[in-house]
Amino acid sequence: MTTHEGALAELADLKDKVTRMDETGVGWPASSSGRPAIQGGGRRVSSIQLPDGVEDHSRFQRRVWAVQRLAWILFAIILVACLLGLLGRGGPFSSQTVTLAGASLEIPSISRWNAPDQIRVTFASSADARTLLVNKQFFEAFSVETIDPPPMTTIASHGRVGYAFPPDMDAEMVVVLRLQTQFPWLHEFEIGTGSDIVKRSVFIFP
Protein backbone atom coordinates (compact mmCIF):
# COMPACT_ATOMS: atom_id res chain seq x y z
CA MET A 1 0.00 0.00 0.00
CA THR A 2 1.42 3.40 -0.98
CA THR A 3 1.61 6.41 1.34
CA HIS A 4 -1.20 8.13 -0.54
CA GLU A 5 -3.46 5.09 -0.24
CA GLY A 6 -2.66 4.83 3.49
CA ALA A 7 -3.64 8.47 4.08
CA LEU A 8 -6.94 7.94 2.27
CA ALA A 9 -7.66 4.87 4.41
CA GLU A 10 -6.95 6.79 7.64
CA LEU A 11 -9.22 9.64 6.48
CA ALA A 12 -12.07 7.22 5.73
CA ASP A 13 -11.61 5.56 9.14
CA LEU A 14 -11.71 8.96 10.88
CA LYS A 15 -14.88 9.84 9.01
CA ASP A 16 -16.54 6.63 10.17
CA LYS A 17 -15.58 7.37 13.80
CA VAL A 18 -17.01 10.91 13.64
CA THR A 19 -20.25 9.55 12.14
CA ARG A 20 -20.61 7.02 14.97
CA MET A 21 -19.89 9.71 17.60
CA ASP A 22 -22.56 11.96 16.09
CA GLU A 23 -25.07 9.08 16.23
CA THR A 24 -24.28 7.90 19.78
CA GLY A 25 -22.85 10.98 21.47
CA VAL A 26 -20.03 8.80 22.80
CA GLY A 27 -16.55 10.26 22.49
CA TRP A 28 -17.48 13.97 22.40
CA PRO A 29 -16.33 16.12 25.39
CA ALA A 30 -19.11 16.56 27.93
CA SER A 31 -20.71 19.91 28.76
CA SER A 32 -21.03 21.27 32.32
CA SER A 33 -24.21 19.18 32.72
CA GLY A 34 -22.31 15.96 31.98
CA ARG A 35 -23.90 15.57 28.55
CA PRO A 36 -22.18 15.97 25.19
CA ALA A 37 -21.84 19.64 24.18
CA ILE A 38 -24.53 20.39 21.58
CA GLN A 39 -24.77 23.29 19.15
CA GLY A 40 -27.97 24.59 17.55
CA GLY A 41 -29.67 21.96 15.37
CA GLY A 42 -28.50 19.07 17.54
CA ARG A 43 -24.94 19.06 16.23
CA ARG A 44 -22.37 18.09 18.83
CA VAL A 45 -19.20 20.19 18.97
CA SER A 46 -16.14 19.98 21.12
CA SER A 47 -15.32 22.75 23.62
CA ILE A 48 -11.93 24.46 23.64
CA GLN A 49 -9.59 22.78 26.09
CA LEU A 50 -7.13 25.22 27.68
CA PRO A 51 -3.76 23.98 29.02
CA ASP A 52 -3.49 23.37 32.74
CA GLY A 53 -2.96 26.59 34.70
CA VAL A 54 -4.34 28.83 31.93
CA GLU A 55 -7.57 30.67 32.76
CA ASP A 56 -10.21 31.76 30.29
CA HIS A 57 -10.15 35.56 30.04
CA SER A 58 -12.21 35.85 26.87
CA ARG A 59 -15.01 37.81 28.59
CA PHE A 60 -12.50 40.36 29.95
CA GLN A 61 -10.88 40.63 26.52
CA ARG A 62 -14.24 41.35 24.89
CA ARG A 63 -14.80 44.16 27.42
CA VAL A 64 -11.37 45.61 26.63
CA TRP A 65 -12.18 45.58 22.92
CA ALA A 66 -15.51 47.33 23.58
CA VAL A 67 -13.79 50.05 25.63
CA GLN A 68 -11.19 50.52 22.89
CA ARG A 69 -13.86 50.94 20.23
CA LEU A 70 -15.70 53.45 22.44
CA ALA A 71 -12.46 55.40 22.95
CA TRP A 72 -11.85 55.49 19.18
CA ILE A 73 -15.36 56.82 18.56
CA LEU A 74 -14.98 59.45 21.29
CA PHE A 75 -11.61 60.56 19.91
CA ALA A 76 -13.10 60.87 16.41
CA ILE A 77 -15.97 63.00 17.75
CA ILE A 78 -13.53 65.31 19.58
CA LEU A 79 -11.36 65.62 16.46
CA VAL A 80 -14.33 66.55 14.25
CA ALA A 81 -15.54 69.06 16.89
CA CYS A 82 -12.11 70.71 16.94
CA LEU A 83 -11.99 70.95 13.15
CA LEU A 84 -15.45 72.56 13.11
CA GLY A 85 -14.49 75.04 15.84
CA LEU A 86 -17.00 73.70 18.36
CA LEU A 87 -14.35 73.63 21.10
CA GLY A 88 -12.81 77.04 20.58
CA ARG A 89 -10.77 79.21 18.27
CA GLY A 90 -10.43 77.95 14.71
CA GLY A 91 -13.08 76.41 12.48
CA PRO A 92 -16.28 77.74 10.93
CA PHE A 93 -18.39 77.59 14.12
CA SER A 94 -15.91 79.39 16.40
CA SER A 95 -16.74 82.87 15.07
CA GLN A 96 -19.67 84.89 13.79
CA THR A 97 -19.85 87.69 11.24
CA VAL A 98 -21.94 90.77 11.97
CA THR A 99 -22.76 93.28 9.21
CA LEU A 100 -23.52 96.81 10.41
CA ALA A 101 -23.93 100.21 8.83
CA GLY A 102 -20.47 101.13 7.64
CA ALA A 103 -18.65 98.10 9.05
CA SER A 104 -18.50 94.32 9.31
CA LEU A 105 -17.27 92.47 12.41
CA GLU A 106 -15.85 89.00 12.96
CA ILE A 107 -16.59 88.13 16.61
CA PRO A 108 -15.80 84.99 18.61
CA SER A 109 -18.84 82.81 19.27
CA ILE A 110 -16.97 79.96 21.03
CA SER A 111 -13.69 80.39 22.86
CA ARG A 112 -11.63 78.91 25.69
CA TRP A 113 -10.95 80.30 29.14
CA ASN A 114 -7.74 82.28 29.64
CA ALA A 115 -6.89 81.96 25.94
CA PRO A 116 -6.14 84.59 23.28
CA ASP A 117 -8.75 85.53 20.72
CA GLN A 118 -9.55 88.47 18.49
CA ILE A 119 -12.20 90.68 16.93
CA ARG A 120 -11.64 91.86 13.38
CA VAL A 121 -13.46 95.02 12.26
CA THR A 122 -13.57 96.19 8.65
CA PHE A 123 -14.70 99.82 8.40
CA ALA A 124 -16.01 101.16 5.09
CA SER A 125 -14.52 104.35 3.70
CA SER A 126 -15.98 107.39 5.43
CA ALA A 127 -15.49 111.14 5.73
CA ASP A 128 -16.25 110.93 9.46
CA ALA A 129 -14.40 109.29 12.30
CA ARG A 130 -15.27 105.61 12.67
CA THR A 131 -16.09 104.33 16.14
CA LEU A 132 -16.39 100.83 17.61
CA LEU A 133 -18.57 100.63 20.72
CA VAL A 134 -18.84 97.90 23.39
CA ASN A 135 -20.72 97.84 26.70
CA LYS A 136 -19.39 96.90 30.15
CA GLN A 137 -20.61 93.26 29.81
CA PHE A 138 -18.11 92.87 26.99
CA PHE A 139 -15.27 93.27 29.51
CA GLU A 140 -16.70 90.44 31.65
CA ALA A 141 -15.92 88.10 28.75
CA PHE A 142 -12.77 89.72 27.32
CA SER A 143 -9.94 92.03 28.17
CA VAL A 144 -8.51 94.11 25.33
CA GLU A 145 -4.76 93.50 25.12
CA THR A 146 -3.87 95.50 22.00
CA ILE A 147 -5.62 97.30 19.16
CA ASP A 148 -3.99 97.43 15.74
CA PRO A 149 -3.91 100.13 14.49
CA PRO A 150 -4.39 102.00 17.78
CA PRO A 151 -7.43 104.30 18.03
CA MET A 152 -6.91 108.03 17.91
CA THR A 153 -9.03 108.36 21.06
CA THR A 154 -11.16 106.40 23.54
CA ILE A 155 -14.56 107.70 24.58
CA ALA A 156 -17.34 106.78 27.02
CA SER A 157 -20.95 107.18 25.93
CA HIS A 158 -24.24 105.88 27.40
CA GLY A 159 -22.54 103.21 29.48
CA ARG A 160 -20.39 102.06 26.56
CA VAL A 161 -16.71 102.37 25.72
CA GLY A 162 -15.87 103.58 22.22
CA TYR A 163 -12.67 103.36 20.19
CA ALA A 164 -12.51 106.11 17.55
CA PHE A 165 -10.45 105.77 14.38
CA PRO A 166 -9.59 108.46 11.82
CA PRO A 167 -11.73 108.98 8.71
CA ASP A 168 -10.64 107.93 5.25
CA MET A 169 -12.68 108.71 2.13
CA ASP A 170 -10.58 106.54 -0.18
CA ALA A 171 -10.10 103.18 1.51
CA GLU A 172 -11.48 100.70 3.96
CA MET A 173 -9.84 100.30 7.35
CA VAL A 174 -9.21 96.97 9.09
CA VAL A 175 -8.88 97.02 12.88
CA VAL A 176 -7.86 93.98 14.94
CA LEU A 177 -8.61 93.83 18.66
CA ARG A 178 -6.45 91.17 20.34
CA LEU A 179 -8.29 89.82 23.34
CA GLN A 180 -7.84 87.57 26.36
CA THR A 181 -10.85 85.63 27.63
CA GLN A 182 -11.79 86.40 31.24
CA PHE A 183 -14.43 84.09 32.71
CA PRO A 184 -15.96 80.83 31.44
CA TRP A 185 -19.58 80.07 30.43
CA LEU A 186 -22.05 82.11 28.37
CA HIS A 187 -21.68 85.88 28.09
CA GLU A 188 -23.96 88.37 26.36
CA PHE A 189 -22.74 91.81 25.36
CA GLU A 190 -23.43 94.74 23.04
CA ILE A 191 -21.16 95.76 20.20
CA GLY A 192 -21.55 98.06 17.23
CA THR A 193 -20.54 101.17 15.35
CA GLY A 194 -22.11 104.57 15.89
CA SER A 195 -25.82 104.12 16.50
CA ASP A 196 -25.96 100.61 15.01
CA ILE A 197 -25.62 98.42 18.12
CA VAL A 198 -26.38 94.69 18.28
CA LYS A 199 -26.47 92.09 21.04
CA ARG A 200 -24.24 89.06 20.67
CA SER A 201 -23.08 86.18 22.88
CA VAL A 202 -19.96 84.06 23.29
CA PHE A 203 -19.53 80.74 25.09
CA ILE A 204 -16.18 80.33 26.83
CA PHE A 205 -15.21 76.77 27.70
CA PRO A 206 -13.70 76.38 31.18
C-alpha atoms as a PDB file:
ATOM      1  CA  MET A   1       0.000   0.000   0.000  1.00  0.00           C
ATOM      2  CA  THR A   2       1.420   3.404  -0.984  1.00  0.00           C
ATOM      3  CA  THR A   3       1.608   6.410   1.344  1.00  0.00           C
ATOM      4  CA  HIS A   4      -1.202   8.126  -0.542  1.00  0.00           C
ATOM      5  CA  GLU A   5      -3.461   5.095  -0.238  1.00  0.00           C
ATOM      6  CA  GLY A   6      -2.664   4.832   3.495  1.00  0.00           C
ATOM      7  CA  ALA A   7      -3.643   8.474   4.075  1.00  0.00           C
ATOM      8  CA  LEU A   8      -6.945   7.943   2.273  1.00  0.00           C
ATOM      9  CA  ALA A   9      -7.661   4.871   4.409  1.00  0.00           C
ATOM     10  CA  GLU A  10      -6.946   6.794   7.637  1.00  0.00           C
ATOM     11  CA  LEU A  11      -9.220   9.642   6.481  1.00  0.00           C
ATOM     12  CA  ALA A  12     -12.067   7.219   5.734  1.00  0.00           C
ATOM     13  CA  ASP A  13     -11.609   5.556   9.140  1.00  0.00           C
ATOM     14  CA  LEU A  14     -11.712   8.962  10.880  1.00  0.00           C
ATOM     15  CA  LYS A  15     -14.883   9.840   9.013  1.00  0.00           C
ATOM     16  CA  ASP A  16     -16.542   6.628  10.167  1.00  0.00           C
ATOM     17  CA  LYS A  17     -15.576   7.369  13.801  1.00  0.00           C
ATOM     18  CA  VAL A  18     -17.012  10.910  13.639  1.00  0.00           C
ATOM     19  CA  THR A  19     -20.250   9.553  12.136  1.00  0.00           C
ATOM     20  CA  ARG A  20     -20.608   7.019  14.968  1.00  0.00           C
ATOM     21  CA  MET A  21     -19.892   9.714  17.601  1.00  0.00           C
ATOM     22  CA  ASP A  22     -22.562  11.960  16.088  1.00  0.00           C
ATOM     23  CA  GLU A  23     -25.068   9.085  16.226  1.00  0.00           C
ATOM     24  CA  THR A  24     -24.284   7.898  19.775  1.00  0.00           C
ATOM     25  CA  GLY A  25     -22.849  10.980  21.475  1.00  0.00           C
ATOM     26  CA  VAL A  26     -20.033   8.804  22.802  1.00  0.00           C
ATOM     27  CA  GLY A  27     -16.547  10.256  22.493  1.00  0.00           C
ATOM     28  CA  TRP A  28     -17.479  13.971  22.404  1.00  0.00           C
ATOM     29  CA  PRO A  29     -16.328  16.115  25.388  1.00  0.00           C
ATOM     30  CA  ALA A  30     -19.110  16.561  27.929  1.00  0.00           C
ATOM     31  CA  SER A  31     -20.709  19.915  28.765  1.00  0.00           C
ATOM     32  CA  SER A  32     -21.026  21.275  32.320  1.00  0.00           C
ATOM     33  CA  SER A  33     -24.208  19.179  32.719  1.00  0.00           C
ATOM     34  CA  GLY A  34     -22.313  15.961  31.980  1.00  0.00           C
ATOM     35  CA  ARG A  35     -23.903  15.571  28.546  1.00  0.00           C
ATOM     36  CA  PRO A  36     -22.176  15.975  25.194  1.00  0.00           C
ATOM     37  CA  ALA A  37     -21.841  19.638  24.177  1.00  0.00           C
ATOM     38  CA  ILE A  38     -24.532  20.393  21.585  1.00  0.00           C
ATOM     39  CA  GLN A  39     -24.774  23.288  19.155  1.00  0.00           C
ATOM     40  CA  GLY A  40     -27.974  24.590  17.548  1.00  0.00           C
ATOM     41  CA  GLY A  41     -29.667  21.958  15.370  1.00  0.00           C
ATOM     42  CA  GLY A  42     -28.504  19.065  17.539  1.00  0.00           C
ATOM     43  CA  ARG A  43     -24.940  19.061  16.228  1.00  0.00           C
ATOM     44  CA  ARG A  44     -22.372  18.085  18.831  1.00  0.00           C
ATOM     45  CA  VAL A  45     -19.205  20.192  18.974  1.00  0.00           C
ATOM     46  CA  SER A  46     -16.140  19.983  21.119  1.00  0.00           C
ATOM     47  CA  SER A  47     -15.315  22.750  23.621  1.00  0.00           C
ATOM     48  CA  ILE A  48     -11.927  24.463  23.638  1.00  0.00           C
ATOM     49  CA  GLN A  49      -9.594  22.775  26.087  1.00  0.00           C
ATOM     50  CA  LEU A  50      -7.133  25.222  27.677  1.00  0.00           C
ATOM     51  CA  PRO A  51      -3.763  23.976  29.024  1.00  0.00           C
ATOM     52  CA  ASP A  52      -3.486  23.365  32.740  1.00  0.00           C
ATOM     53  CA  GLY A  53      -2.964  26.590  34.704  1.00  0.00           C
ATOM     54  CA  VAL A  54      -4.341  28.826  31.929  1.00  0.00           C
ATOM     55  CA  GLU A  55      -7.568  30.674  32.760  1.00  0.00           C
ATOM     56  CA  ASP A  56     -10.209  31.761  30.288  1.00  0.00           C
ATOM     57  CA  HIS A  57     -10.153  35.563  30.041  1.00  0.00           C
ATOM     58  CA  SER A  58     -12.213  35.852  26.868  1.00  0.00           C
ATOM     59  CA  ARG A  59     -15.010  37.812  28.589  1.00  0.00           C
ATOM     60  CA  PHE A  60     -12.501  40.363  29.947  1.00  0.00           C
ATOM     61  CA  GLN A  61     -10.883  40.627  26.521  1.00  0.00           C
ATOM     62  CA  ARG A  62     -14.240  41.355  24.891  1.00  0.00           C
ATOM     63  CA  ARG A  63     -14.799  44.157  27.415  1.00  0.00           C
ATOM     64  CA  VAL A  64     -11.373  45.613  26.633  1.00  0.00           C
ATOM     65  CA  TRP A  65     -12.184  45.583  22.921  1.00  0.00           C
ATOM     66  CA  ALA A  66     -15.513  47.325  23.584  1.00  0.00           C
ATOM     67  CA  VAL A  67     -13.791  50.053  25.631  1.00  0.00           C
ATOM     68  CA  GLN A  68     -11.187  50.519  22.888  1.00  0.00           C
ATOM     69  CA  ARG A  69     -13.864  50.944  20.225  1.00  0.00           C
ATOM     70  CA  LEU A  70     -15.697  53.454  22.442  1.00  0.00           C
ATOM     71  CA  ALA A  71     -12.459  55.402  22.955  1.00  0.00           C
ATOM     72  CA  TRP A  72     -11.854  55.494  19.178  1.00  0.00           C
ATOM     73  CA  ILE A  73     -15.362  56.818  18.564  1.00  0.00           C
ATOM     74  CA  LEU A  74     -14.980  59.453  21.291  1.00  0.00           C
ATOM     75  CA  PHE A  75     -11.612  60.559  19.906  1.00  0.00           C
ATOM     76  CA  ALA A  76     -13.099  60.868  16.411  1.00  0.00           C
ATOM     77  CA  ILE A  77     -15.967  63.004  17.748  1.00  0.00           C
ATOM     78  CA  ILE A  78     -13.532  65.315  19.581  1.00  0.00           C
ATOM     79  CA  LEU A  79     -11.364  65.616  16.460  1.00  0.00           C
ATOM     80  CA  VAL A  80     -14.326  66.555  14.254  1.00  0.00           C
ATOM     81  CA  ALA A  81     -15.543  69.062  16.892  1.00  0.00           C
ATOM     82  CA  CYS A  82     -12.106  70.713  16.944  1.00  0.00           C
ATOM     83  CA  LEU A  83     -11.991  70.953  13.151  1.00  0.00           C
ATOM     84  CA  LEU A  84     -15.451  72.561  13.114  1.00  0.00           C
ATOM     85  CA  GLY A  85     -14.492  75.045  15.840  1.00  0.00           C
ATOM     86  CA  LEU A  86     -16.999  73.697  18.357  1.00  0.00           C
ATOM     87  CA  LEU A  87     -14.350  73.631  21.099  1.00  0.00           C
ATOM     88  CA  GLY A  88     -12.812  77.039  20.583  1.00  0.00           C
ATOM     89  CA  ARG A  89     -10.774  79.208  18.272  1.00  0.00           C
ATOM     90  CA  GLY A  90     -10.426  77.954  14.705  1.00  0.00           C
ATOM     91  CA  GLY A  91     -13.075  76.405  12.476  1.00  0.00           C
ATOM     92  CA  PRO A  92     -16.283  77.737  10.933  1.00  0.00           C
ATOM     93  CA  PHE A  93     -18.389  77.587  14.116  1.00  0.00           C
ATOM     94  CA  SER A  94     -15.911  79.389  16.400  1.00  0.00           C
ATOM     95  CA  SER A  95     -16.735  82.869  15.072  1.00  0.00           C
ATOM     96  CA  GLN A  96     -19.668  84.887  13.794  1.00  0.00           C
ATOM     97  CA  THR A  97     -19.854  87.687  11.244  1.00  0.00           C
ATOM     98  CA  VAL A  98     -21.944  90.774  11.966  1.00  0.00           C
ATOM     99  CA  THR A  99     -22.758  93.279   9.213  1.00  0.00           C
ATOM    100  CA  LEU A 100     -23.523  96.807  10.410  1.00  0.00           C
ATOM    101  CA  ALA A 101     -23.928 100.214   8.827  1.00  0.00           C
ATOM    102  CA  GLY A 102     -20.473 101.127   7.637  1.00  0.00           C
ATOM    103  CA  ALA A 103     -18.646  98.097   9.046  1.00  0.00           C
ATOM    104  CA  SER A 104     -18.496  94.316   9.306  1.00  0.00           C
ATOM    105  CA  LEU A 105     -17.274  92.470  12.409  1.00  0.00           C
ATOM    106  CA  GLU A 106     -15.846  88.996  12.962  1.00  0.00           C
ATOM    107  CA  ILE A 107     -16.587  88.133  16.605  1.00  0.00           C
ATOM    108  CA  PRO A 108     -15.795  84.986  18.606  1.00  0.00           C
ATOM    109  CA  SER A 109     -18.837  82.811  19.269  1.00  0.00           C
ATOM    110  CA  ILE A 110     -16.966  79.960  21.030  1.00  0.00           C
ATOM    111  CA  SER A 111     -13.694  80.386  22.856  1.00  0.00           C
ATOM    112  CA  ARG A 112     -11.635  78.909  25.694  1.00  0.00           C
ATOM    113  CA  TRP A 113     -10.951  80.303  29.137  1.00  0.00           C
ATOM    114  CA  ASN A 114      -7.735  82.275  29.636  1.00  0.00           C
ATOM    115  CA  ALA A 115      -6.890  81.960  25.945  1.00  0.00           C
ATOM    116  CA  PRO A 116      -6.136  84.587  23.282  1.00  0.00           C
ATOM    117  CA  ASP A 117      -8.755  85.529  20.724  1.00  0.00           C
ATOM    118  CA  GLN A 118      -9.552  88.474  18.492  1.00  0.00           C
ATOM    119  CA  ILE A 119     -12.197  90.676  16.930  1.00  0.00           C
ATOM    120  CA  ARG A 120     -11.643  91.856  13.379  1.00  0.00           C
ATOM    121  CA  VAL A 121     -13.464  95.016  12.260  1.00  0.00           C
ATOM    122  CA  THR A 122     -13.566  96.195   8.651  1.00  0.00           C
ATOM    123  CA  PHE A 123     -14.705  99.819   8.397  1.00  0.00           C
ATOM    124  CA  ALA A 124     -16.006 101.156   5.086  1.00  0.00           C
ATOM    125  CA  SER A 125     -14.522 104.348   3.701  1.00  0.00           C
ATOM    126  CA  SER A 126     -15.977 107.388   5.431  1.00  0.00           C
ATOM    127  CA  ALA A 127     -15.494 111.136   5.732  1.00  0.00           C
ATOM    128  CA  ASP A 128     -16.254 110.927   9.465  1.00  0.00           C
ATOM    129  CA  ALA A 129     -14.395 109.295  12.302  1.00  0.00           C
ATOM    130  CA  ARG A 130     -15.270 105.614  12.671  1.00  0.00           C
ATOM    131  CA  THR A 131     -16.092 104.326  16.143  1.00  0.00           C
ATOM    132  CA  LEU A 132     -16.385 100.835  17.608  1.00  0.00           C
ATOM    133  CA  LEU A 133     -18.566 100.628  20.724  1.00  0.00           C
ATOM    134  CA  VAL A 134     -18.844  97.901  23.389  1.00  0.00           C
ATOM    135  CA  ASN A 135     -20.720  97.838  26.695  1.00  0.00           C
ATOM    136  CA  LYS A 136     -19.392  96.899  30.147  1.00  0.00           C
ATOM    137  CA  GLN A 137     -20.611  93.257  29.814  1.00  0.00           C
ATOM    138  CA  PHE A 138     -18.107  92.867  26.990  1.00  0.00           C
ATOM    139  CA  PHE A 139     -15.272  93.268  29.509  1.00  0.00           C
ATOM    140  CA  GLU A 140     -16.705  90.443  31.647  1.00  0.00           C
ATOM    141  CA  ALA A 141     -15.921  88.102  28.754  1.00  0.00           C
ATOM    142  CA  PHE A 142     -12.772  89.723  27.319  1.00  0.00           C
ATOM    143  CA  SER A 143      -9.937  92.025  28.172  1.00  0.00           C
ATOM    144  CA  VAL A 144      -8.511  94.106  25.327  1.00  0.00           C
ATOM    145  CA  GLU A 145      -4.762  93.500  25.116  1.00  0.00           C
ATOM    146  CA  THR A 146      -3.865  95.499  22.001  1.00  0.00           C
ATOM    147  CA  ILE A 147      -5.622  97.305  19.159  1.00  0.00           C
ATOM    148  CA  ASP A 148      -3.986  97.433  15.738  1.00  0.00           C
ATOM    149  CA  PRO A 149      -3.907 100.133  14.489  1.00  0.00           C
ATOM    150  CA  PRO A 150      -4.389 102.004  17.778  1.00  0.00           C
ATOM    151  CA  PRO A 151      -7.427 104.303  18.033  1.00  0.00           C
ATOM    152  CA  MET A 152      -6.912 108.027  17.907  1.00  0.00           C
ATOM    153  CA  THR A 153      -9.035 108.356  21.063  1.00  0.00           C
ATOM    154  CA  THR A 154     -11.163 106.395  23.537  1.00  0.00           C
ATOM    155  CA  ILE A 155     -14.558 107.705  24.575  1.00  0.00           C
ATOM    156  CA  ALA A 156     -17.339 106.779  27.017  1.00  0.00           C
ATOM    157  CA  SER A 157     -20.948 107.184  25.934  1.00  0.00           C
ATOM    158  CA  HIS A 158     -24.239 105.884  27.399  1.00  0.00           C
ATOM    159  CA  GLY A 159     -22.544 103.207  29.481  1.00  0.00           C
ATOM    160  CA  ARG A 160     -20.391 102.064  26.562  1.00  0.00           C
ATOM    161  CA  VAL A 161     -16.714 102.374  25.724  1.00  0.00           C
ATOM    162  CA  GLY A 162     -15.866 103.580  22.224  1.00  0.00           C
ATOM    163  CA  TYR A 163     -12.673 103.359  20.185  1.00  0.00           C
ATOM    164  CA  ALA A 164     -12.512 106.107  17.552  1.00  0.00           C
ATOM    165  CA  PHE A 165     -10.450 105.774  14.376  1.00  0.00           C
ATOM    166  CA  PRO A 166      -9.586 108.461  11.824  1.00  0.00           C
ATOM    167  CA  PRO A 167     -11.729 108.982   8.707  1.00  0.00           C
ATOM    168  CA  ASP A 168     -10.641 107.934   5.246  1.00  0.00           C
ATOM    169  CA  MET A 169     -12.676 108.711   2.133  1.00  0.00           C
ATOM    170  CA  ASP A 170     -10.577 106.538  -0.176  1.00  0.00           C
ATOM    171  CA  ALA A 171     -10.097 103.178   1.510  1.00  0.00           C
ATOM    172  CA  GLU A 172     -11.482 100.695   3.965  1.00  0.00           C
ATOM    173  CA  MET A 173      -9.842 100.298   7.353  1.00  0.00           C
ATOM    174  CA  VAL A 174      -9.209  96.970   9.095  1.00  0.00           C
ATOM    175  CA  VAL A 175      -8.882  97.018  12.880  1.00  0.00           C
ATOM    176  CA  VAL A 176      -7.864  93.985  14.940  1.00  0.00           C
ATOM    177  CA  LEU A 177      -8.610  93.832  18.665  1.00  0.00           C
ATOM    178  CA  ARG A 178      -6.448  91.175  20.339  1.00  0.00           C
ATOM    179  CA  LEU A 179      -8.287  89.820  23.345  1.00  0.00           C
ATOM    180  CA  GLN A 180      -7.843  87.571  26.364  1.00  0.00           C
ATOM    181  CA  THR A 181     -10.846  85.630  27.629  1.00  0.00           C
ATOM    182  CA  GLN A 182     -11.790  86.399  31.238  1.00  0.00           C
ATOM    183  CA  PHE A 183     -14.429  84.093  32.706  1.00  0.00           C
ATOM    184  CA  PRO A 184     -15.956  80.831  31.436  1.00  0.00           C
ATOM    185  CA  TRP A 185     -19.578  80.067  30.428  1.00  0.00           C
ATOM    186  CA  LEU A 186     -22.046  82.113  28.365  1.00  0.00           C
ATOM    187  CA  HIS A 187     -21.678  85.879  28.091  1.00  0.00           C
ATOM    188  CA  GLU A 188     -23.963  88.367  26.357  1.00  0.00           C
ATOM    189  CA  PHE A 189     -22.745  91.810  25.361  1.00  0.00           C
ATOM    190  CA  GLU A 190     -23.430  94.737  23.043  1.00  0.00           C
ATOM    191  CA  ILE A 191     -21.160  95.755  20.200  1.00  0.00           C
ATOM    192  CA  GLY A 192     -21.549  98.060  17.234  1.00  0.00           C
ATOM    193  CA  THR A 193     -20.544 101.174  15.346  1.00  0.00           C
ATOM    194  CA  GLY A 194     -22.112 104.573  15.891  1.00  0.00           C
ATOM    195  CA  SER A 195     -25.822 104.123  16.504  1.00  0.00           C
ATOM    196  CA  ASP A 196     -25.958 100.614  15.013  1.00  0.00           C
ATOM    197  CA  ILE A 197     -25.622  98.425  18.124  1.00  0.00           C
ATOM    198  CA  VAL A 198     -26.382  94.692  18.283  1.00  0.00           C
ATOM    199  CA  LYS A 199     -26.469  92.086  21.045  1.00  0.00           C
ATOM    200  CA  ARG A 200     -24.243  89.060  20.673  1.00  0.00           C
ATOM    201  CA  SER A 201     -23.083  86.183  22.881  1.00  0.00           C
ATOM    202  CA  VAL A 202     -19.963  84.061  23.294  1.00  0.00           C
ATOM    203  CA  PHE A 203     -19.526  80.735  25.089  1.00  0.00           C
ATOM    204  CA  ILE A 204     -16.178  80.326  26.828  1.00  0.00           C
ATOM    205  CA  PHE A 205     -15.214  76.771  27.704  1.00  0.00           C
ATOM    206  CA  PRO A 206     -13.699  76.377  31.177  1.00  0.00           C
END
